[in-house]
Amino acid sequence: MVKSMPTRCHLIKVAIPLVHVSSSAAAEEFYCERPGFRQEFSDRRDQAKADPCYVGVSRDGVRLHVLSFFGDGVSGEVVNLIVEDVDALRAELVKKRVRIDTGPVGQTWGSREM
C-alpha cells in the first residue's frame, strides 16, 4: 500500500504587521507625512470620531495596518523594516523631522540598523 503525502496548496504569501496606537489621527499623520507611506484604506465605525480606527498604509510594497480599537494589541509594538540603504532612508527621515534614537549602527551580527 502506497500512501500519498498531502500537497501544500496554501502558501503564506505575506505577513502584515498590526501596529496598535492610541491615536489613529497622529499615526496617520506620522506614517503618511514622515516616512512616506500612503493610506490604502481606513475603517472608522463612527465617521464623526477619529478613533477607534483601522488604517492600512503602504510604501515600496510594504504594508502596515495601524489600529486603535481597544483590545487589539498593545501600544508600542516594534516593526523591523528591511531596506536597501539604511543611511539613505535615515537622511530622508531626518529631512521629514522623524526622531531617530540611534544609528545607523553596524551590528555584530552583520546588519546595519537604526
PDB file of N, CA and C in Angstrom:
ATOM      1  N   MET A   1       0.849  -1.176   0.000  1.00  0.00           N
ATOM      2  CA  MET A   1       0.000   0.000   0.000  1.00  0.00           C
ATOM      3  C   MET A   1       0.888   1.231   0.000  1.00  0.00           C
ATOM      4  N   VAL A   2       0.591   2.150  -0.888  1.00  0.00           N
ATOM      5  CA  VAL A   2       1.333   3.400  -1.002  1.00  0.00           C
ATOM      6  C   VAL A   2       0.416   4.536  -0.585  1.00  0.00           C
ATOM      7  N   LYS A   3       0.895   5.325   0.368  1.00  0.00           N
ATOM      8  CA  LYS A   3       0.131   6.488   0.808  1.00  0.00           C
ATOM      9  C   LYS A   3       0.739   7.735   0.179  1.00  0.00           C
ATOM     10  N   SER A   4      -0.108   8.569  -0.318  1.00  0.00           N
ATOM     11  CA  SER A   4       0.411   9.823  -0.862  1.00  0.00           C
ATOM     12  C   SER A   4       0.423  10.878   0.237  1.00  0.00           C
ATOM     13  N   MET A   5       1.425  11.690   0.177  1.00  0.00           N
ATOM     14  CA  MET A   5       1.542  12.782   1.136  1.00  0.00           C
ATOM     15  C   MET A   5       0.645  13.932   0.665  1.00  0.00           C
ATOM     16  N   PRO A   6      -0.013  14.609   1.584  1.00  0.00           N
ATOM     17  CA  PRO A   6      -0.843  15.742   1.175  1.00  0.00           C
ATOM     18  C   PRO A   6       0.030  16.829   0.554  1.00  0.00           C
ATOM     19  N   THR A   7      -0.464  17.446  -0.486  1.00  0.00           N
ATOM     20  CA  THR A   7       0.287  18.535  -1.101  1.00  0.00           C
ATOM     21  C   THR A   7      -0.024  19.830  -0.372  1.00  0.00           C
ATOM     22  N   ARG A   8       0.934  20.723  -0.397  1.00  0.00           N
ATOM     23  CA  ARG A   8       0.759  22.032   0.230  1.00  0.00           C
ATOM     24  C   ARG A   8       0.141  22.960  -0.804  1.00  0.00           C
ATOM     25  N   CYS A   9      -1.103  23.250  -0.643  1.00  0.00           N
ATOM     26  CA  CYS A   9      -1.760  24.110  -1.617  1.00  0.00           C
ATOM     27  C   CYS A   9      -2.013  25.520  -1.077  1.00  0.00           C
ATOM     28  N   HIS A  10      -1.716  25.750   0.179  1.00  0.00           N
ATOM     29  CA  HIS A  10      -1.912  27.082   0.759  1.00  0.00           C
ATOM     30  C   HIS A  10      -0.568  27.580   1.266  1.00  0.00           C
ATOM     31  N   LEU A  11       0.036  28.459   0.521  1.00  0.00           N
ATOM     32  CA  LEU A  11       1.324  29.011   0.910  1.00  0.00           C
ATOM     33  C   LEU A  11       1.135  30.396   1.488  1.00  0.00           C
ATOM     34  N   ILE A  12       1.886  30.685   2.525  1.00  0.00           N
ATOM     35  CA  ILE A  12       1.844  32.026   3.108  1.00  0.00           C
ATOM     36  C   ILE A  12       2.518  32.970   2.124  1.00  0.00           C
ATOM     37  N   LYS A  13       1.832  34.020   1.744  1.00  0.00           N
ATOM     38  CA  LYS A  13       2.344  34.961   0.744  1.00  0.00           C
ATOM     39  C   LYS A  13       2.998  36.190   1.368  1.00  0.00           C
ATOM     40  N   VAL A  14       2.411  36.685   2.457  1.00  0.00           N
ATOM     41  CA  VAL A  14       2.938  37.906   3.062  1.00  0.00           C
ATOM     42  C   VAL A  14       2.411  38.011   4.493  1.00  0.00           C
ATOM     43  N   ALA A  15       3.173  38.675   5.342  1.00  0.00           N
ATOM     44  CA  ALA A  15       2.717  38.969   6.706  1.00  0.00           C
ATOM     45  C   ALA A  15       2.550  40.485   6.804  1.00  0.00           C
ATOM     46  N   ILE A  16       1.449  40.923   7.370  1.00  0.00           N
ATOM     47  CA  ILE A  16       1.202  42.352   7.528  1.00  0.00           C
ATOM     48  C   ILE A  16       1.181  42.666   9.022  1.00  0.00           C
ATOM     49  N   PRO A  17       2.181  43.409   9.499  1.00  0.00           N
ATOM     50  CA  PRO A  17       2.197  43.766  10.919  1.00  0.00           C
ATOM     51  C   PRO A  17       1.007  44.649  11.281  1.00  0.00           C
ATOM     52  N   LEU A  18       0.423  44.379  12.443  1.00  0.00           N
ATOM     53  CA  LEU A  18      -0.633  45.219  13.009  1.00  0.00           C
ATOM     54  C   LEU A  18       0.006  46.052  14.115  1.00  0.00           C
ATOM     55  N   VAL A  19      -0.064  47.342  13.981  1.00  0.00           N
ATOM     56  CA  VAL A  19       0.549  48.249  14.949  1.00  0.00           C
ATOM     57  C   VAL A  19      -0.570  48.944  15.711  1.00  0.00           C
ATOM     58  N   HIS A  20      -0.642  48.681  17.016  1.00  0.00           N
ATOM     59  CA  HIS A  20      -1.673  49.299  17.837  1.00  0.00           C
ATOM     60  C   HIS A  20      -1.203  50.673  18.283  1.00  0.00           C
ATOM     61  N   VAL A  21      -2.083  51.668  18.152  1.00  0.00           N
ATOM     62  CA  VAL A  21      -1.759  53.041  18.529  1.00  0.00           C
ATOM     63  C   VAL A  21      -2.878  53.607  19.400  1.00  0.00           C
ATOM     64  N   SER A  22      -2.568  54.660  20.127  1.00  0.00           N
ATOM     65  CA  SER A  22      -3.601  55.293  20.945  1.00  0.00           C
ATOM     66  C   SER A  22      -4.358  56.363  20.167  1.00  0.00           C
ATOM     67  N   SER A  23      -3.757  56.903  19.116  1.00  0.00           N
ATOM     68  CA  SER A  23      -4.418  57.931  18.304  1.00  0.00           C
ATOM     69  C   SER A  23      -4.209  57.625  16.825  1.00  0.00           C
ATOM     70  N   SER A  24      -5.277  57.283  16.144  1.00  0.00           N
ATOM     71  CA  SER A  24      -5.147  56.979  14.722  1.00  0.00           C
ATOM     72  C   SER A  24      -4.826  58.236  13.909  1.00  0.00           C
ATOM     73  N   ALA A  25      -5.323  59.388  14.321  1.00  0.00           N
ATOM     74  CA  ALA A  25      -5.023  60.636  13.608  1.00  0.00           C
ATOM     75  C   ALA A  25      -3.527  60.932  13.660  1.00  0.00           C
ATOM     76  N   ALA A  26      -2.925  60.783  14.830  1.00  0.00           N
ATOM     77  CA  ALA A  26      -1.489  61.013  14.966  1.00  0.00           C
ATOM     78  C   ALA A  26      -0.699  59.979  14.168  1.00  0.00           C
ATOM     79  N   ALA A  27      -1.163  58.732  14.174  1.00  0.00           N
ATOM     80  CA  ALA A  27      -0.478  57.680  13.425  1.00  0.00           C
ATOM     81  C   ALA A  27      -0.558  57.927  11.925  1.00  0.00           C
ATOM     82  N   GLU A  28      -1.731  58.310  11.431  1.00  0.00           N
ATOM     83  CA  GLU A  28      -1.879  58.614  10.001  1.00  0.00           C
ATOM     84  C   GLU A  28      -0.958  59.760   9.596  1.00  0.00           C
ATOM     85  N   GLU A  29      -0.921  60.809  10.416  1.00  0.00           N
ATOM     86  CA  GLU A  29      -0.047  61.951  10.126  1.00  0.00           C
ATOM     87  C   GLU A  29       1.407  61.491  10.091  1.00  0.00           C
ATOM     88  N   PHE A  30       1.801  60.690  11.081  1.00  0.00           N
ATOM     89  CA  PHE A  30       3.191  60.248  11.132  1.00  0.00           C
ATOM     90  C   PHE A  30       3.544  59.373   9.937  1.00  0.00           C
ATOM     91  N   TYR A  31       2.829  58.272   9.748  1.00  0.00           N
ATOM     92  CA  TYR A  31       3.196  57.322   8.696  1.00  0.00           C
ATOM     93  C   TYR A  31       3.083  57.910   7.294  1.00  0.00           C
ATOM     94  N   CYS A  32       2.102  58.758   7.051  1.00  0.00           N
ATOM     95  CA  CYS A  32       1.896  59.291   5.696  1.00  0.00           C
ATOM     96  C   CYS A  32       2.727  60.543   5.417  1.00  0.00           C
ATOM     97  N   GLU A  33       2.995  61.345   6.430  1.00  0.00           N
ATOM     98  CA  GLU A  33       3.750  62.585   6.206  1.00  0.00           C
ATOM     99  C   GLU A  33       5.248  62.411   6.423  1.00  0.00           C
ATOM    100  N   ARG A  34       5.645  61.546   7.336  1.00  0.00           N
ATOM    101  CA  ARG A  34       7.064  61.434   7.667  1.00  0.00           C
ATOM    102  C   ARG A  34       7.760  60.323   6.870  1.00  0.00           C
ATOM    103  N   PRO A  35       7.520  59.026   7.144  1.00  0.00           N
ATOM    104  CA  PRO A  35       8.237  58.008   6.377  1.00  0.00           C
ATOM    105  C   PRO A  35       7.691  57.807   4.960  1.00  0.00           C
ATOM    106  N   GLY A  36       6.641  58.525   4.588  1.00  0.00           N
ATOM    107  CA  GLY A  36       6.173  58.484   3.217  1.00  0.00           C
ATOM    108  C   GLY A  36       5.285  57.321   2.839  1.00  0.00           C
ATOM    109  N   PHE A  37       4.620  56.724   3.812  1.00  0.00           N
ATOM    110  CA  PHE A  37       3.640  55.690   3.492  1.00  0.00           C
ATOM    111  C   PHE A  37       2.416  56.359   2.876  1.00  0.00           C
ATOM    112  N   ARG A  38       1.602  55.595   2.175  1.00  0.00           N
ATOM    113  CA  ARG A  38       0.385  56.096   1.556  1.00  0.00           C
ATOM    114  C   ARG A  38      -0.798  55.349   2.156  1.00  0.00           C
ATOM    115  N   GLN A  39      -1.837  56.072   2.513  1.00  0.00           N
ATOM    116  CA  GLN A  39      -3.019  55.426   3.080  1.00  0.00           C
ATOM    117  C   GLN A  39      -3.735  54.630   1.997  1.00  0.00           C
ATOM    118  N   GLU A  40      -3.993  53.351   2.283  1.00  0.00           N
ATOM    119  CA  GLU A  40      -4.715  52.467   1.368  1.00  0.00           C
ATOM    120  C   GLU A  40      -6.209  52.439   1.698  1.00  0.00           C
ATOM    121  N   PHE A  41      -6.518  52.446   2.994  1.00  0.00           N
ATOM    122  CA  PHE A  41      -7.914  52.398   3.424  1.00  0.00           C
ATOM    123  C   PHE A  41      -8.003  52.845   4.873  1.00  0.00           C
ATOM    124  N   SER A  42      -9.208  53.183   5.316  1.00  0.00           N
ATOM    125  CA  SER A  42      -9.453  53.418   6.739  1.00  0.00           C
ATOM    126  C   SER A  42     -10.878  52.981   7.038  1.00  0.00           C
ATOM    127  N   ASP A  43     -11.071  52.471   8.240  1.00  0.00           N
ATOM    128  CA  ASP A  43     -12.384  51.998   8.679  1.00  0.00           C
ATOM    129  C   ASP A  43     -12.678  52.578  10.047  1.00  0.00           C
ATOM    130  N   ARG A  44     -13.523  53.593  10.060  1.00  0.00           N
ATOM    131  CA  ARG A  44     -13.978  54.196  11.314  1.00  0.00           C
ATOM    132  C   ARG A  44     -15.427  53.806  11.505  1.00  0.00           C
ATOM    133  N   ARG A  45     -15.733  53.212  12.655  1.00  0.00           N
ATOM    134  CA  ARG A  45     -17.115  52.810  12.919  1.00  0.00           C
ATOM    135  C   ARG A  45     -18.015  54.021  13.045  1.00  0.00           C
ATOM    136  N   ASP A  46     -17.464  55.102  13.620  1.00  0.00           N
ATOM    137  CA  ASP A  46     -18.208  56.348  13.754  1.00  0.00           C
ATOM    138  C   ASP A  46     -17.432  57.411  12.979  1.00  0.00           C
ATOM    139  N   GLN A  47     -17.932  57.795  11.817  1.00  0.00           N
ATOM    140  CA  GLN A  47     -17.230  58.743  10.948  1.00  0.00           C
ATOM    141  C   GLN A  47     -17.036  60.119  11.592  1.00  0.00           C
ATOM    142  N   ALA A  48     -17.782  60.417  12.641  1.00  0.00           N
ATOM    143  CA  ALA A  48     -17.653  61.702  13.318  1.00  0.00           C
ATOM    144  C   ALA A  48     -16.484  61.721  14.298  1.00  0.00           C
ATOM    145  N   LYS A  49     -15.896  60.549  14.574  1.00  0.00           N
ATOM    146  CA  LYS A  49     -14.800  60.454  15.543  1.00  0.00           C
ATOM    147  C   LYS A  49     -13.552  59.892  14.872  1.00  0.00           C
ATOM    148  N   ALA A  50     -12.382  60.372  15.313  1.00  0.00           N
ATOM    149  CA  ALA A  50     -11.116  59.885  14.761  1.00  0.00           C
ATOM    150  C   ALA A  50     -10.823  58.450  15.210  1.00  0.00           C
ATOM    151  N   ASP A  51     -11.229  58.114  16.426  1.00  0.00           N
ATOM    152  CA  ASP A  51     -10.944  56.788  16.974  1.00  0.00           C
ATOM    153  C   ASP A  51     -12.210  56.160  17.504  1.00  0.00           C
ATOM    154  N   PRO A  52     -12.291  54.853  17.532  1.00  0.00           N
ATOM    155  CA  PRO A  52     -11.279  53.909  17.061  1.00  0.00           C
ATOM    156  C   PRO A  52     -11.284  53.811  15.534  1.00  0.00           C
ATOM    157  N   CYS A  53     -10.137  53.386  15.009  1.00  0.00           N
ATOM    158  CA  CYS A  53      -9.972  53.322  13.559  1.00  0.00           C
ATOM    159  C   CYS A  53      -8.998  52.196  13.195  1.00  0.00           C
ATOM    160  N   TYR A  54      -9.179  51.648  12.004  1.00  0.00           N
ATOM    161  CA  TYR A  54      -8.291  50.632  11.433  1.00  0.00           C
ATOM    162  C   TYR A  54      -7.829  51.193  10.097  1.00  0.00           C
ATOM    163  N   VAL A  55      -6.521  51.430   9.942  1.00  0.00           N
ATOM    164  CA  VAL A  55      -5.973  52.089   8.760  1.00  0.00           C
ATOM    165  C   VAL A  55      -4.898  51.204   8.141  1.00  0.00           C
ATOM    166  N   GLY A  56      -4.927  51.094   6.818  1.00  0.00           N
ATOM    167  CA  GLY A  56      -3.868  50.388   6.096  1.00  0.00           C
ATOM    168  C   GLY A  56      -2.998  51.386   5.364  1.00  0.00           C
ATOM    169  N   VAL A  57      -1.678  51.270   5.522  1.00  0.00           N
ATOM    170  CA  VAL A  57      -0.733  52.143   4.822  1.00  0.00           C
ATOM    171  C   VAL A  57       0.285  51.273   4.100  1.00  0.00           C
ATOM    172  N   SER A  58       0.894  51.826   3.047  1.00  0.00           N
ATOM    173  CA  SER A  58       1.901  51.064   2.306  1.00  0.00           C
ATOM    174  C   SER A  58       2.964  51.995   1.738  1.00  0.00           C
ATOM    175  N   ARG A  59       4.117  51.403   1.495  1.00  0.00           N
ATOM    176  CA  ARG A  59       5.222  52.092   0.833  1.00  0.00           C
ATOM    177  C   ARG A  59       6.159  51.037   0.269  1.00  0.00           C
ATOM    178  N   ASP A  60       6.542  51.183  -0.969  1.00  0.00           N
ATOM    179  CA  ASP A  60       7.513  50.294  -1.610  1.00  0.00           C
ATOM    180  C   ASP A  60       7.138  48.822  -1.480  1.00  0.00           C
ATOM    181  N   GLY A  61       5.856  48.521  -1.532  1.00  0.00           N
ATOM    182  CA  GLY A  61       5.410  47.136  -1.439  1.00  0.00           C
ATOM    183  C   GLY A  61       5.263  46.609  -0.027  1.00  0.00           C
ATOM    184  N   VAL A  62       5.568  47.421   0.967  1.00  0.00           N
ATOM    185  CA  VAL A  62       5.438  47.031   2.371  1.00  0.00           C
ATOM    186  C   VAL A  62       4.123  47.589   2.893  1.00  0.00           C
ATOM    187  N   ARG A  63       3.367  46.743   3.590  1.00  0.00           N
ATOM    188  CA  ARG A  63       2.089  47.178   4.148  1.00  0.00           C
ATOM    189  C   ARG A  63       2.101  47.066   5.661  1.00  0.00           C
ATOM    190  N   LEU A  64       1.503  48.064   6.307  1.00  0.00           N
ATOM    191  CA  LEU A  64       1.280  48.061   7.750  1.00  0.00           C
ATOM    192  C   LEU A  64      -0.191  48.337   7.980  1.00  0.00           C
ATOM    193  N   HIS A  65      -0.748  47.701   8.979  1.00  0.00           N
ATOM    194  CA  HIS A  65      -2.106  48.020   9.409  1.00  0.00           C
ATOM    195  C   HIS A  65      -1.993  48.651  10.788  1.00  0.00           C
ATOM    196  N   VAL A  66      -2.564  49.824  10.933  1.00  0.00           N
ATOM    197  CA  VAL A  66      -2.482  50.608  12.158  1.00  0.00           C
ATOM    198  C   VAL A  66      -3.892  50.693  12.732  1.00  0.00           C
ATOM    199  N   LEU A  67      -4.032  50.345  14.010  1.00  0.00           N
ATOM    200  CA  LEU A  67      -5.365  50.317  14.583  1.00  0.00           C
ATOM    201  C   LEU A  67      -5.395  50.868  15.998  1.00  0.00           C
ATOM    202  N   SER A  68      -6.554  51.425  16.351  1.00  0.00           N
ATOM    203  CA  SER A  68      -6.717  51.984  17.695  1.00  0.00           C
ATOM    204  C   SER A  68      -7.925  51.383  18.411  1.00  0.00           C
ATOM    205  N   PHE A  69      -8.393  50.232  17.932  1.00  0.00           N
ATOM    206  CA  PHE A  69      -9.505  49.563  18.603  1.00  0.00           C
ATOM    207  C   PHE A  69      -9.028  48.969  19.923  1.00  0.00           C
ATOM    208  N   PHE A  70      -9.816  49.121  20.971  1.00  0.00           N
ATOM    209  CA  PHE A  70      -9.472  48.588  22.282  1.00  0.00           C
ATOM    210  C   PHE A  70      -9.359  47.071  22.218  1.00  0.00           C
ATOM    211  N   GLY A  71      -8.305  46.528  22.816  1.00  0.00           N
ATOM    212  CA  GLY A  71      -8.139  45.086  22.914  1.00  0.00           C
ATOM    213  C   GLY A  71      -7.388  44.446  21.761  1.00  0.00           C
ATOM    214  N   ASP A  72      -7.094  45.206  20.711  1.00  0.00           N
ATOM    215  CA  ASP A  72      -6.354  44.663  19.573  1.00  0.00           C
ATOM    216  C   ASP A  72      -4.889  45.044  19.703  1.00  0.00           C
ATOM    217  N   GLY A  73      -4.105  44.240  20.373  1.00  0.00           N
ATOM    218  CA  GLY A  73      -2.681  44.511  20.518  1.00  0.00           C
ATOM    219  C   GLY A  73      -2.394  45.489  21.638  1.00  0.00           C
ATOM    220  N   VAL A  74      -1.131  45.856  21.733  1.00  0.00           N
ATOM    221  CA  VAL A  74      -0.671  46.739  22.788  1.00  0.00           C
ATOM    222  C   VAL A  74       0.094  47.888  22.132  1.00  0.00           C
ATOM    223  N   SER A  75      -0.084  49.088  22.612  1.00  0.00           N
ATOM    224  CA  SER A  75       0.675  50.219  22.064  1.00  0.00           C
ATOM    225  C   SER A  75       2.162  50.007  22.288  1.00  0.00           C
ATOM    226  N   GLY A  76       2.955  50.400  21.304  1.00  0.00           N
ATOM    227  CA  GLY A  76       4.403  50.330  21.449  1.00  0.00           C
ATOM    228  C   GLY A  76       5.052  49.124  20.813  1.00  0.00           C
ATOM    229  N   GLU A  77       4.373  48.438  19.919  1.00  0.00           N
ATOM    230  CA  GLU A  77       4.995  47.310  19.240  1.00  0.00           C
ATOM    231  C   GLU A  77       6.142  47.793  18.364  1.00  0.00           C
ATOM    232  N   VAL A  78       6.973  46.859  17.919  1.00  0.00           N
ATOM    233  CA  VAL A  78       8.122  47.167  17.070  1.00  0.00           C
ATOM    234  C   VAL A  78       7.952  46.441  15.746  1.00  0.00           C
ATOM    235  N   VAL A  79       8.246  47.134  14.655  1.00  0.00           N
ATOM    236  CA  VAL A  79       8.229  46.535  13.329  1.00  0.00           C
ATOM    237  C   VAL A  79       9.601  46.764  12.714  1.00  0.00           C
ATOM    238  N   ASN A  80      10.251  45.702  12.279  1.00  0.00           N
ATOM    239  CA  ASN A  80      11.527  45.824  11.587  1.00  0.00           C
ATOM    240  C   ASN A  80      11.271  45.903  10.092  1.00  0.00           C
ATOM    241  N   LEU A  81      11.816  46.925   9.446  1.00  0.00           N
ATOM    242  CA  LEU A  81      11.711  47.074   8.004  1.00  0.00           C
ATOM    243  C   LEU A  81      13.099  46.866   7.408  1.00  0.00           C
ATOM    244  N   ILE A  82      13.226  45.922   6.511  1.00  0.00           N
ATOM    245  CA  ILE A  82      14.500  45.650   5.846  1.00  0.00           C
ATOM    246  C   ILE A  82      14.558  46.552   4.617  1.00  0.00           C
ATOM    247  N   VAL A  83      15.614  47.348   4.494  1.00  0.00           N
ATOM    248  CA  VAL A  83      15.719  48.316   3.407  1.00  0.00           C
ATOM    249  C   VAL A  83      17.016  48.124   2.635  1.00  0.00           C
ATOM    250  N   GLU A  84      17.056  48.685   1.426  1.00  0.00           N
ATOM    251  CA  GLU A  84      18.257  48.613   0.589  1.00  0.00           C
ATOM    252  C   GLU A  84      19.405  49.429   1.182  1.00  0.00           C
ATOM    253  N   ASP A  85      19.112  50.654   1.638  1.00  0.00           N
ATOM    254  CA  ASP A  85      20.155  51.578   2.088  1.00  0.00           C
ATOM    255  C   ASP A  85      19.663  52.332   3.316  1.00  0.00           C
ATOM    256  N   VAL A  86      20.049  51.848   4.486  1.00  0.00           N
ATOM    257  CA  VAL A  86      19.561  52.438   5.734  1.00  0.00           C
ATOM    258  C   VAL A  86      20.049  53.873   5.902  1.00  0.00           C
ATOM    259  N   ASP A  87      21.243  54.183   5.401  1.00  0.00           N
ATOM    260  CA  ASP A  87      21.758  55.547   5.525  1.00  0.00           C
ATOM    261  C   ASP A  87      20.933  56.522   4.680  1.00  0.00           C
ATOM    262  N   ALA A  88      20.546  56.117   3.478  1.00  0.00           N
ATOM    263  CA  ALA A  88      19.713  56.961   2.626  1.00  0.00           C
ATOM    264  C   ALA A  88      18.333  57.146   3.246  1.00  0.00           C
ATOM    265  N   LEU A  89      17.759  56.080   3.807  1.00  0.00           N
ATOM    266  CA  LEU A  89      16.453  56.205   4.458  1.00  0.00           C
ATOM    267  C   LEU A  89      16.551  57.122   5.667  1.00  0.00           C
ATOM    268  N   ARG A  90      17.630  57.002   6.442  1.00  0.00           N
ATOM    269  CA  ARG A  90      17.811  57.886   7.597  1.00  0.00           C
ATOM    270  C   ARG A  90      17.839  59.344   7.147  1.00  0.00           C
ATOM    271  N   ALA A  91      18.591  59.639   6.085  1.00  0.00           N
ATOM    272  CA  ALA A  91      18.671  61.012   5.584  1.00  0.00           C
ATOM    273  C   ALA A  91      17.293  61.517   5.168  1.00  0.00           C
ATOM    274  N   GLU A  92      16.509  60.675   4.509  1.00  0.00           N
ATOM    275  CA  GLU A  92      15.155  61.052   4.093  1.00  0.00           C
ATOM    276  C   GLU A  92      14.280  61.352   5.307  1.00  0.00           C
ATOM    277  N   LEU A  93      14.347  60.493   6.326  1.00  0.00           N
ATOM    278  CA  LEU A  93      13.508  60.668   7.510  1.00  0.00           C
ATOM    279  C   LEU A  93      13.917  61.886   8.330  1.00  0.00           C
ATOM    280  N   VAL A  94      15.216  62.143   8.431  1.00  0.00           N
ATOM    281  CA  VAL A  94      15.684  63.320   9.168  1.00  0.00           C
ATOM    282  C   VAL A  94      15.160  64.595   8.514  1.00  0.00           C
ATOM    283  N   LYS A  95      15.141  64.643   7.175  1.00  0.00           N
ATOM    284  CA  LYS A  95      14.596  65.808   6.467  1.00  0.00           C
ATOM    285  C   LYS A  95      13.119  66.012   6.788  1.00  0.00           C
ATOM    286  N   LYS A  96      12.415  64.909   7.116  1.00  0.00           N
ATOM    287  CA  LYS A  96      10.980  64.985   7.424  1.00  0.00           C
ATOM    288  C   LYS A  96      10.730  65.072   8.927  1.00  0.00           C
ATOM    289  N   ARG A  97      11.778  65.386   9.680  1.00  0.00           N
ATOM    290  CA  ARG A  97      11.699  65.605  11.128  1.00  0.00           C
ATOM    291  C   ARG A  97      11.300  64.372  11.928  1.00  0.00           C
ATOM    292  N   VAL A  98      11.675  63.181  11.469  1.00  0.00           N
ATOM    293  CA  VAL A  98      11.422  61.968  12.240  1.00  0.00           C
ATOM    294  C   VAL A  98      12.541  61.828  13.266  1.00  0.00           C
ATOM    295  N   ARG A  99      12.172  61.655  14.524  1.00  0.00           N
ATOM    296  CA  ARG A  99      13.159  61.461  15.581  1.00  0.00           C
ATOM    297  C   ARG A  99      13.725  60.056  15.466  1.00  0.00           C
ATOM    298  N   ILE A 100      15.025  59.956  15.367  1.00  0.00           N
ATOM    299  CA  ILE A 100      15.703  58.663  15.279  1.00  0.00           C
ATOM    300  C   ILE A 100      16.610  58.551  16.498  1.00  0.00           C
ATOM    301  N   ASP A 101      16.389  57.529  17.284  1.00  0.00           N
ATOM    302  CA  ASP A 101      17.093  57.405  18.564  1.00  0.00           C
ATOM    303  C   ASP A 101      18.535  56.941  18.433  1.00  0.00           C
ATOM    304  N   THR A 102      18.847  56.162  17.409  1.00  0.00           N
ATOM    305  CA  THR A 102      20.194  55.621  17.279  1.00  0.00           C
ATOM    306  C   THR A 102      20.510  55.327  15.821  1.00  0.00           C
ATOM    307  N   GLY A 103      21.790  55.313  15.533  1.00  0.00           N
ATOM    308  CA  GLY A 103      22.263  54.784  14.264  1.00  0.00           C
ATOM    309  C   GLY A 103      22.237  55.742  13.103  1.00  0.00           C
ATOM    310  N   PRO A 104      22.483  55.156  11.994  1.00  0.00           N
ATOM    311  CA  PRO A 104      22.712  53.745  11.727  1.00  0.00           C
ATOM    312  C   PRO A 104      23.985  53.216  12.405  1.00  0.00           C
ATOM    313  N   VAL A 105      23.887  51.986  12.852  1.00  0.00           N
ATOM    314  CA  VAL A 105      24.959  51.314  13.575  1.00  0.00           C
ATOM    315  C   VAL A 105      25.211  49.964  12.925  1.00  0.00           C
ATOM    316  N   GLY A 106      26.477  49.636  12.701  1.00  0.00           N
ATOM    317  CA  GLY A 106      26.834  48.305  12.220  1.00  0.00           C
ATOM    318  C   GLY A 106      26.766  47.328  13.384  1.00  0.00           C
ATOM    319  N   GLN A 107      25.875  46.356  13.293  1.00  0.00           N
ATOM    320  CA  GLN A 107      25.694  45.382  14.378  1.00  0.00           C
ATOM    321  C   GLN A 107      26.700  44.232  14.252  1.00  0.00           C
ATOM    322  N   THR A 108      26.998  43.588  15.369  1.00  0.00           N
ATOM    323  CA  THR A 108      27.943  42.472  15.365  1.00  0.00           C
ATOM    324  C   THR A 108      27.425  41.292  14.555  1.00  0.00           C
ATOM    325  N   TRP A 109      26.102  41.200  14.345  1.00  0.00           N
ATOM    326  CA  TRP A 109      25.541  40.092  13.574  1.00  0.00           C
ATOM    327  C   TRP A 109      25.486  40.403  12.083  1.00  0.00           C
ATOM    328  N   GLY A 110      26.061  41.551  11.662  1.00  0.00           N
ATOM    329  CA  GLY A 110      26.218  41.808  10.240  1.00  0.00           C
ATOM    330  C   GLY A 110      25.258  42.791   9.610  1.00  0.00           C
ATOM    331  N   SER A 111      24.225  43.214  10.310  1.00  0.00           N
ATOM    332  CA  SER A 111      23.296  44.169   9.708  1.00  0.00           C
ATOM    333  C   SER A 111      23.637  45.599  10.147  1.00  0.00           C
ATOM    334  N   ARG A 112      23.171  46.536   9.380  1.00  0.00           N
ATOM    335  CA  ARG A 112      23.318  47.950   9.719  1.00  0.00           C
ATOM    336  C   ARG A 112      21.916  48.449  10.052  1.00  0.00           C
ATOM    337  N   GLU A 113      21.735  48.975  11.271  1.00  0.00           N
ATOM    338  CA  GLU A 113      20.401  49.270  11.781  1.00  0.00           C
ATOM    339  C   GLU A 113      20.319  50.669  12.364  1.00  0.00           C
ATOM    340  N   MET A 114      19.078  51.161  12.423  1.00  0.00           N
ATOM    341  CA  MET A 114      18.803  52.415  13.139  1.00  0.00           C
ATOM    342  C   MET A 114      17.515  52.262  13.892  1.00  0.00           C
TER     343      MET A 114
END
